[in-house]
C-alpha atoms as a PDB file:
ATOM      1  CA  MET A   1      10.252   4.431 -19.207  1.00  0.00           C
ATOM      2  CA  LYS A   2      10.910   3.209 -15.677  1.00  0.00           C
ATOM      3  CA  SER A   3      10.202  -0.351 -14.629  1.00  0.00           C
ATOM      4  CA  LEU A   4       6.803  -0.366 -12.985  1.00  0.00           C
ATOM      5  CA  ILE A   5       5.008  -2.622 -10.529  1.00  0.00           C
ATOM      6  CA  SER A   6       1.817  -4.009 -11.996  1.00  0.00           C
ATOM      7  CA  PRO A   7      -1.241  -2.847 -10.020  1.00  0.00           C
ATOM      8  CA  ILE A   8      -2.823  -6.257 -10.588  1.00  0.00           C
ATOM      9  CA  ALA A   9       0.298  -8.000  -9.284  1.00  0.00           C
ATOM     10  CA  LEU A  10       0.339  -5.599  -6.333  1.00  0.00           C
ATOM     11  CA  PHE A  11      -3.275  -6.507  -5.620  1.00  0.00           C
ATOM     12  CA  ALA A  12      -2.430 -10.213  -5.710  1.00  0.00           C
ATOM     13  CA  VAL A  13       0.507  -9.734  -3.335  1.00  0.00           C
ATOM     14  CA  LEU A  14      -1.606  -7.696  -0.934  1.00  0.00           C
ATOM     15  CA  ALA A  15      -4.393 -10.245  -1.027  1.00  0.00           C
ATOM     16  CA  ALA A  16      -1.955 -13.062  -0.339  1.00  0.00           C
ATOM     17  CA  CYS A  17      -0.725 -11.345   2.820  1.00  0.00           C
ATOM     18  CA  THR A  18      -2.813 -12.537   5.740  1.00  0.00           C
ATOM     19  CA  GLY A  19      -1.015 -10.644   8.487  1.00  0.00           C
ATOM     20  CA  GLN A  20      -1.279  -6.966   9.279  1.00  0.00           C
ATOM     21  CA  THR A  21       1.284  -4.644  10.793  1.00  0.00           C
ATOM     22  CA  ALA A  22       0.778  -3.024  14.145  1.00  0.00           C
ATOM     23  CA  ASN A  23       0.162   0.290  12.370  1.00  0.00           C
ATOM     24  CA  ASP A  24      -2.583  -1.155  10.186  1.00  0.00           C
ATOM     25  CA  SER A  25      -5.920  -0.715  11.893  1.00  0.00           C
ATOM     26  CA  ALA A  26      -8.094  -2.186   9.120  1.00  0.00           C
ATOM     27  CA  PRO A  27     -10.646  -4.629  10.532  1.00  0.00           C
ATOM     28  CA  ARG A  28      -9.474  -8.205  10.832  1.00  0.00           C
ATOM     29  CA  THR A  29     -11.375 -10.931   9.069  1.00  0.00           C
ATOM     30  CA  THR A  30     -11.774 -14.642   9.584  1.00  0.00           C
ATOM     31  CA  ASP A  31      -9.388 -17.122   7.976  1.00  0.00           C
ATOM     32  CA  THR A  32     -12.188 -18.131   5.587  1.00  0.00           C
ATOM     33  CA  GLN A  33     -12.764 -14.517   4.508  1.00  0.00           C
ATOM     34  CA  GLN A  34      -9.029 -13.990   4.050  1.00  0.00           C
ATOM     35  CA  GLN A  35      -8.751 -17.148   1.957  1.00  0.00           C
ATOM     36  CA  GLN A  36     -11.725 -16.077  -0.182  1.00  0.00           C
ATOM     37  CA  SER A  37     -10.081 -12.691  -0.791  1.00  0.00           C
ATOM     38  CA  ALA A  38      -6.763 -14.351  -1.635  1.00  0.00           C
ATOM     39  CA  ASP A  39      -8.546 -16.697  -4.062  1.00  0.00           C
ATOM     40  CA  VAL A  40     -10.203 -13.721  -5.779  1.00  0.00           C
ATOM     41  CA  ALA A  41      -6.827 -11.992  -6.080  1.00  0.00           C
ATOM     42  CA  ASP A  42      -5.146 -15.129  -7.431  1.00  0.00           C
ATOM     43  CA  ASN A  43      -7.809 -15.390 -10.111  1.00  0.00           C
ATOM     44  CA  ALA A  44      -7.329 -11.697 -10.948  1.00  0.00           C
ATOM     45  CA  VAL A  45      -3.748 -12.292 -12.081  1.00  0.00           C
ATOM     46  CA  ALA A  46      -5.082 -14.443 -14.918  1.00  0.00           C
ATOM     47  CA  ASP A  47      -7.298 -11.534 -16.003  1.00  0.00           C
ATOM     48  CA  THR A  48      -4.512  -8.980 -16.373  1.00  0.00           C
ATOM     49  CA  PRO A  49      -5.419  -6.354 -18.981  1.00  0.00           C
ATOM     50  CA  PRO A  50      -3.171  -5.345 -21.892  1.00  0.00           C
ATOM     51  CA  GLY A  51       0.210  -4.048 -20.799  1.00  0.00           C
ATOM     52  CA  GLY A  52       0.658  -6.666 -18.066  1.00  0.00           C
ATOM     53  CA  GLY A  53      -1.463  -4.734 -15.536  1.00  0.00           C
ATOM     54  CA  MET A  54       0.263  -1.377 -15.980  1.00  0.00           C
ATOM     55  CA  PRO A  55      -1.565   0.652 -18.572  1.00  0.00           C
ATOM     56  CA  GLY A  56       0.435   0.549 -21.764  1.00  0.00           C
ATOM     57  CA  THR A  57      -1.713   3.211 -23.389  1.00  0.00           C
ATOM     58  CA  SER A  58      -4.046   6.028 -22.457  1.00  0.00           C
ATOM     59  CA  ALA A  59      -7.013   3.829 -23.295  1.00  0.00           C
ATOM     60  CA  ASP A  60      -5.739   1.112 -20.921  1.00  0.00           C
ATOM     61  CA  TYR A  61      -5.353   3.635 -18.118  1.00  0.00           C
ATOM     62  CA  VAL A  62      -8.858   5.032 -18.676  1.00  0.00           C
ATOM     63  CA  MET A  63     -10.308   1.511 -18.655  1.00  0.00           C
ATOM     64  CA  MET A  64      -8.441   0.462 -15.495  1.00  0.00           C
ATOM     65  CA  ALA A  65      -9.131   3.680 -13.580  1.00  0.00           C
ATOM     66  CA  GLY A  66     -12.798   3.609 -14.581  1.00  0.00           C
ATOM     67  CA  ALA A  67     -13.109   0.001 -13.418  1.00  0.00           C
ATOM     68  CA  SER A  68     -11.489   0.912 -10.106  1.00  0.00           C
ATOM     69  CA  ASP A  69     -13.906   3.792  -9.553  1.00  0.00           C
ATOM     70  CA  LEU A  70     -16.903   1.658 -10.517  1.00  0.00           C
ATOM     71  CA  TYR A  71     -15.886  -1.020  -8.014  1.00  0.00           C
ATOM     72  CA  GLU A  72     -15.610   1.628  -5.289  1.00  0.00           C
ATOM     73  CA  ILE A  73     -19.037   3.019  -6.128  1.00  0.00           C
ATOM     74  CA  GLU A  74     -20.833  -0.331  -6.388  1.00  0.00           C
ATOM     75  CA  SER A  75     -19.253  -1.860  -3.280  1.00  0.00           C
ATOM     76  CA  SER A  76     -19.967   1.306  -1.312  1.00  0.00           C
ATOM     77  CA  ARG A  77     -23.617   1.367  -2.380  1.00  0.00           C
ATOM     78  CA  MET A  78     -23.835  -2.183  -1.084  1.00  0.00           C
ATOM     79  CA  ALA A  79     -22.176  -1.091   2.169  1.00  0.00           C
ATOM     80  CA  GLN A  80     -24.711   1.675   2.661  1.00  0.00           C
ATOM     81  CA  GLU A  81     -27.503  -0.891   2.330  1.00  0.00           C
ATOM     82  CA  ARG A  82     -25.949  -3.580   4.539  1.00  0.00           C
ATOM     83  CA  THR A  83     -23.923  -1.981   7.301  1.00  0.00           C
ATOM     84  CA  GLN A  84     -25.246  -1.066  10.709  1.00  0.00           C
ATOM     85  CA  ASP A  85     -22.047   0.834  11.521  1.00  0.00           C
ATOM     86  CA  PRO A  86     -22.432   4.622  11.092  1.00  0.00           C
ATOM     87  CA  ALA A  87     -18.683   5.028  10.422  1.00  0.00           C
ATOM     88  CA  VAL A  88     -18.784   2.472   7.601  1.00  0.00           C
ATOM     89  CA  ARG A  89     -21.925   4.113   6.195  1.00  0.00           C
ATOM     90  CA  GLU A  90     -20.234   7.541   6.275  1.00  0.00           C
ATOM     91  CA  PHE A  91     -17.095   6.144   4.631  1.00  0.00           C
ATOM     92  CA  ALA A  92     -19.196   4.481   1.915  1.00  0.00           C
ATOM     93  CA  ALA A  93     -20.985   7.777   1.194  1.00  0.00           C
ATOM     94  CA  MET A  94     -17.604   9.486   0.812  1.00  0.00           C
ATOM     95  CA  MET A  95     -16.453   6.726  -1.580  1.00  0.00           C
ATOM     96  CA  ILE A  96     -19.517   7.176  -3.773  1.00  0.00           C
ATOM     97  CA  GLU A  97     -19.143  10.953  -3.887  1.00  0.00           C
ATOM     98  CA  HIS A  98     -15.383  11.051  -4.468  1.00  0.00           C
ATOM     99  CA  HIS A  99     -15.179   8.198  -6.973  1.00  0.00           C
ATOM    100  CA  THR A 100     -18.113   9.580  -8.946  1.00  0.00           C
ATOM    101  CA  GLY A 101     -16.104  12.813  -9.121  1.00  0.00           C
ATOM    102  CA  THR A 102     -12.876  11.118 -10.203  1.00  0.00           C
ATOM    103  CA  THR A 103     -14.780   9.211 -12.897  1.00  0.00           C
ATOM    104  CA  LYS A 104     -16.199  12.484 -14.250  1.00  0.00           C
ATOM    105  CA  ALA A 105     -12.758  14.121 -14.215  1.00  0.00           C
ATOM    106  CA  LEU A 106     -11.167  11.116 -15.912  1.00  0.00           C
ATOM    107  CA  THR A 107     -13.869  10.989 -18.587  1.00  0.00           C
ATOM    108  CA  ALA A 108     -13.470  14.703 -19.289  1.00  0.00           C
ATOM    109  CA  ALA A 109      -9.671  14.327 -19.522  1.00  0.00           C
ATOM    110  CA  ALA A 110     -10.031  11.331 -21.835  1.00  0.00           C
ATOM    111  CA  ARG A 111     -12.343  13.246 -24.140  1.00  0.00           C
ATOM    112  CA  ALA A 112      -9.986  16.233 -24.115  1.00  0.00           C
ATOM    113  CA  ALA A 113      -7.225  13.791 -25.095  1.00  0.00           C
ATOM    114  CA  GLY A 114      -9.241  12.720 -28.127  1.00  0.00           C
ATOM    115  CA  LEU A 115     -10.493   9.434 -26.693  1.00  0.00           C
ATOM    116  CA  ASN A 116     -14.084   8.267 -26.665  1.00  0.00           C
ATOM    117  CA  PRO A 117     -14.149   6.265 -23.426  1.00  0.00           C
ATOM    118  CA  ALA A 118     -16.757   3.568 -22.982  1.00  0.00           C
ATOM    119  CA  PRO A 119     -18.706   3.571 -19.729  1.00  0.00           C
ATOM    120  CA  PRO A 120     -16.650   1.930 -16.963  1.00  0.00           C
ATOM    121  CA  GLN A 121     -16.936  -1.841 -16.627  1.00  0.00           C
ATOM    122  CA  LEU A 122     -15.919  -3.969 -13.658  1.00  0.00           C
ATOM    123  CA  MET A 123     -12.855  -6.106 -14.254  1.00  0.00           C
ATOM    124  CA  PRO A 124     -13.078  -9.793 -13.284  1.00  0.00           C
ATOM    125  CA  GLN A 125     -11.316  -9.271  -9.947  1.00  0.00           C
ATOM    126  CA  HIS A 126     -13.762  -6.486  -9.073  1.00  0.00           C
ATOM    127  CA  ARG A 127     -16.737  -8.726  -9.890  1.00  0.00           C
ATOM    128  CA  GLY A 128     -15.243 -11.390  -7.622  1.00  0.00           C
ATOM    129  CA  MET A 129     -14.885  -8.887  -4.794  1.00  0.00           C
ATOM    130  CA  ILE A 130     -18.497  -7.741  -5.237  1.00  0.00           C
ATOM    131  CA  ASP A 131     -19.635 -11.382  -5.238  1.00  0.00           C
ATOM    132  CA  GLU A 132     -17.734 -11.967  -2.000  1.00  0.00           C
ATOM    133  CA  LEU A 133     -19.503  -8.999  -0.391  1.00  0.00           C
ATOM    134  CA  ARG A 134     -22.908 -10.247  -1.559  1.00  0.00           C
ATOM    135  CA  SER A 135     -22.358 -13.445   0.415  1.00  0.00           C
ATOM    136  CA  LEU A 136     -21.706 -11.639   3.712  1.00  0.00           C
ATOM    137  CA  LYS A 137     -23.780  -9.889   6.370  1.00  0.00           C
ATOM    138  CA  GLY A 138     -23.269  -7.970   9.587  1.00  0.00           C
ATOM    139  CA  GLU A 139     -19.792  -7.549  10.996  1.00  0.00           C
ATOM    140  CA  GLY A 140     -18.415 -10.049   8.495  1.00  0.00           C
ATOM    141  CA  PHE A 141     -19.579  -7.792   5.685  1.00  0.00           C
ATOM    142  CA  ASP A 142     -18.099  -4.694   7.317  1.00  0.00           C
ATOM    143  CA  ALA A 143     -14.732  -6.393   7.885  1.00  0.00           C
ATOM    144  CA  ALA A 144     -14.535  -7.726   4.321  1.00  0.00           C
ATOM    145  CA  TYR A 145     -15.674  -4.398   2.853  1.00  0.00           C
ATOM    146  CA  MET A 146     -13.006  -2.445   4.715  1.00  0.00           C
ATOM    147  CA  MET A 147     -10.299  -5.002   3.892  1.00  0.00           C
ATOM    148  CA  GLN A 148     -11.266  -4.829   0.223  1.00  0.00           C
ATOM    149  CA  GLN A 149     -11.272  -1.037   0.360  1.00  0.00           C
ATOM    150  CA  ARG A 150      -7.713  -0.998   1.649  1.00  0.00           C
ATOM    151  CA  ARG A 151      -6.487  -3.367  -1.031  1.00  0.00           C
ATOM    152  CA  ALA A 152      -8.422  -1.676  -3.830  1.00  0.00           C
ATOM    153  CA  HIS A 153      -7.152   1.746  -2.776  1.00  0.00           C
ATOM    154  CA  ASP A 154      -3.556   0.523  -2.583  1.00  0.00           C
ATOM    155  CA  MET A 155      -3.925  -0.802  -6.117  1.00  0.00           C
ATOM    156  CA  ALA A 156      -5.599   2.411  -7.347  1.00  0.00           C
ATOM    157  CA  LEU A 157      -2.889   4.539  -5.775  1.00  0.00           C
ATOM    158  CA  GLU A 158      -0.202   2.556  -7.593  1.00  0.00           C
ATOM    159  CA  LEU A 159      -2.134   2.825 -10.877  1.00  0.00           C
ATOM    160  CA  HIS A 160      -2.584   6.605 -10.645  1.00  0.00           C
ATOM    161  CA  ARG A 161       0.954   7.269  -9.418  1.00  0.00           C
ATOM    162  CA  ASN A 162       2.474   5.157 -12.182  1.00  0.00           C
ATOM    163  CA  TYR A 163       0.408   6.787 -14.909  1.00  0.00           C
ATOM    164  CA  ALA A 164       0.998  10.290 -13.538  1.00  0.00           C
ATOM    165  CA  ALA A 165       4.747   9.662 -13.648  1.00  0.00           C
ATOM    166  CA  ASN A 166       4.992   7.673 -16.877  1.00  0.00           C
ATOM    167  CA  GLY A 167       1.743   7.970 -18.829  1.00  0.00           C
ATOM    168  CA  ASP A 168       1.629   8.700 -22.533  1.00  0.00           C
ATOM    169  CA  ASN A 169      -0.859  11.606 -22.470  1.00  0.00           C
ATOM    170  CA  ASP A 170      -0.392  14.916 -20.641  1.00  0.00           C
ATOM    171  CA  GLN A 171      -4.101  15.526 -19.959  1.00  0.00           C
ATOM    172  CA  LEU A 172      -4.555  12.070 -18.510  1.00  0.00           C
ATOM    173  CA  ARG A 173      -1.312  12.356 -16.550  1.00  0.00           C
ATOM    174  CA  LYS A 174      -2.782  15.465 -14.888  1.00  0.00           C
ATOM    175  CA  ALA A 175      -6.021  13.610 -14.139  1.00  0.00           C
ATOM    176  CA  ALA A 176      -4.019  10.744 -12.641  1.00  0.00           C
ATOM    177  CA  ALA A 177      -1.965  13.164 -10.549  1.00  0.00           C
ATOM    178  CA  SER A 178      -5.138  14.815  -9.238  1.00  0.00           C
ATOM    179  CA  ALA A 179      -6.555  11.409  -8.248  1.00  0.00           C
ATOM    180  CA  VAL A 180      -3.512  10.547  -6.111  1.00  0.00           C
ATOM    181  CA  PRO A 181      -4.345  12.830  -3.125  1.00  0.00           C
ATOM    182  CA  VAL A 182      -7.982  11.678  -3.205  1.00  0.00           C
ATOM    183  CA  VAL A 183      -6.916   8.041  -2.929  1.00  0.00           C
ATOM    184  CA  GLU A 184      -4.320   8.890  -0.274  1.00  0.00           C
ATOM    185  CA  LYS A 185      -7.062  10.604   1.771  1.00  0.00           C
ATOM    186  CA  HIS A 186      -9.174   7.466   1.529  1.00  0.00           C
ATOM    187  CA  ILE A 187      -6.297   5.249   2.657  1.00  0.00           C
ATOM    188  CA  ALA A 188      -5.698   7.556   5.634  1.00  0.00           C
ATOM    189  CA  ARG A 189      -9.385   7.311   6.572  1.00  0.00           C
ATOM    190  CA  ILE A 190      -9.318   3.514   6.294  1.00  0.00           C
ATOM    191  CA  ARG A 191      -6.333   3.414   8.666  1.00  0.00           C
ATOM    192  CA  GLU A 192      -8.222   5.594  11.152  1.00  0.00           C
ATOM    193  CA  MET A 193     -11.175   3.235  11.110  1.00  0.00           C
END
């Protein structure tokens, strides 16, 4: 098996980066918001699931991917309630629809693989991100939501790509591979916004 970058470690690295490249058009946040996000990411490293962040088994992958989808759905429901920006509201609706679909596909693949997946649960870093969003309003909320979306999607992309290339179950590898273009589409949309 190839040496893989831990999605959790990737998340922590991304969260620690406070600068953005000229090609990155994600909304900028205040220093306080950036520090809060970095603190959440630093705490997430301590909550690394089995396998050091990269799913060591099919069950680990299902748990991590389900948690990722659930975060996207819950944070996007919050965005639909709080944002005044029609573009953010439209993006959030797309997140809910697409991540509900990837959860259903993942669950079906897991069952076909002989697993009995539990309903998705937020991981500690996801709960921290949701808590951060709960504390914000207006443009501050929108900026933090979009910044979190970029980081969460980067992490999800790494998770799905790694499992698709190196996973231990063919059905789940196919599900992971089918999630990759969905996540890439979301990242492209975030860059446009």
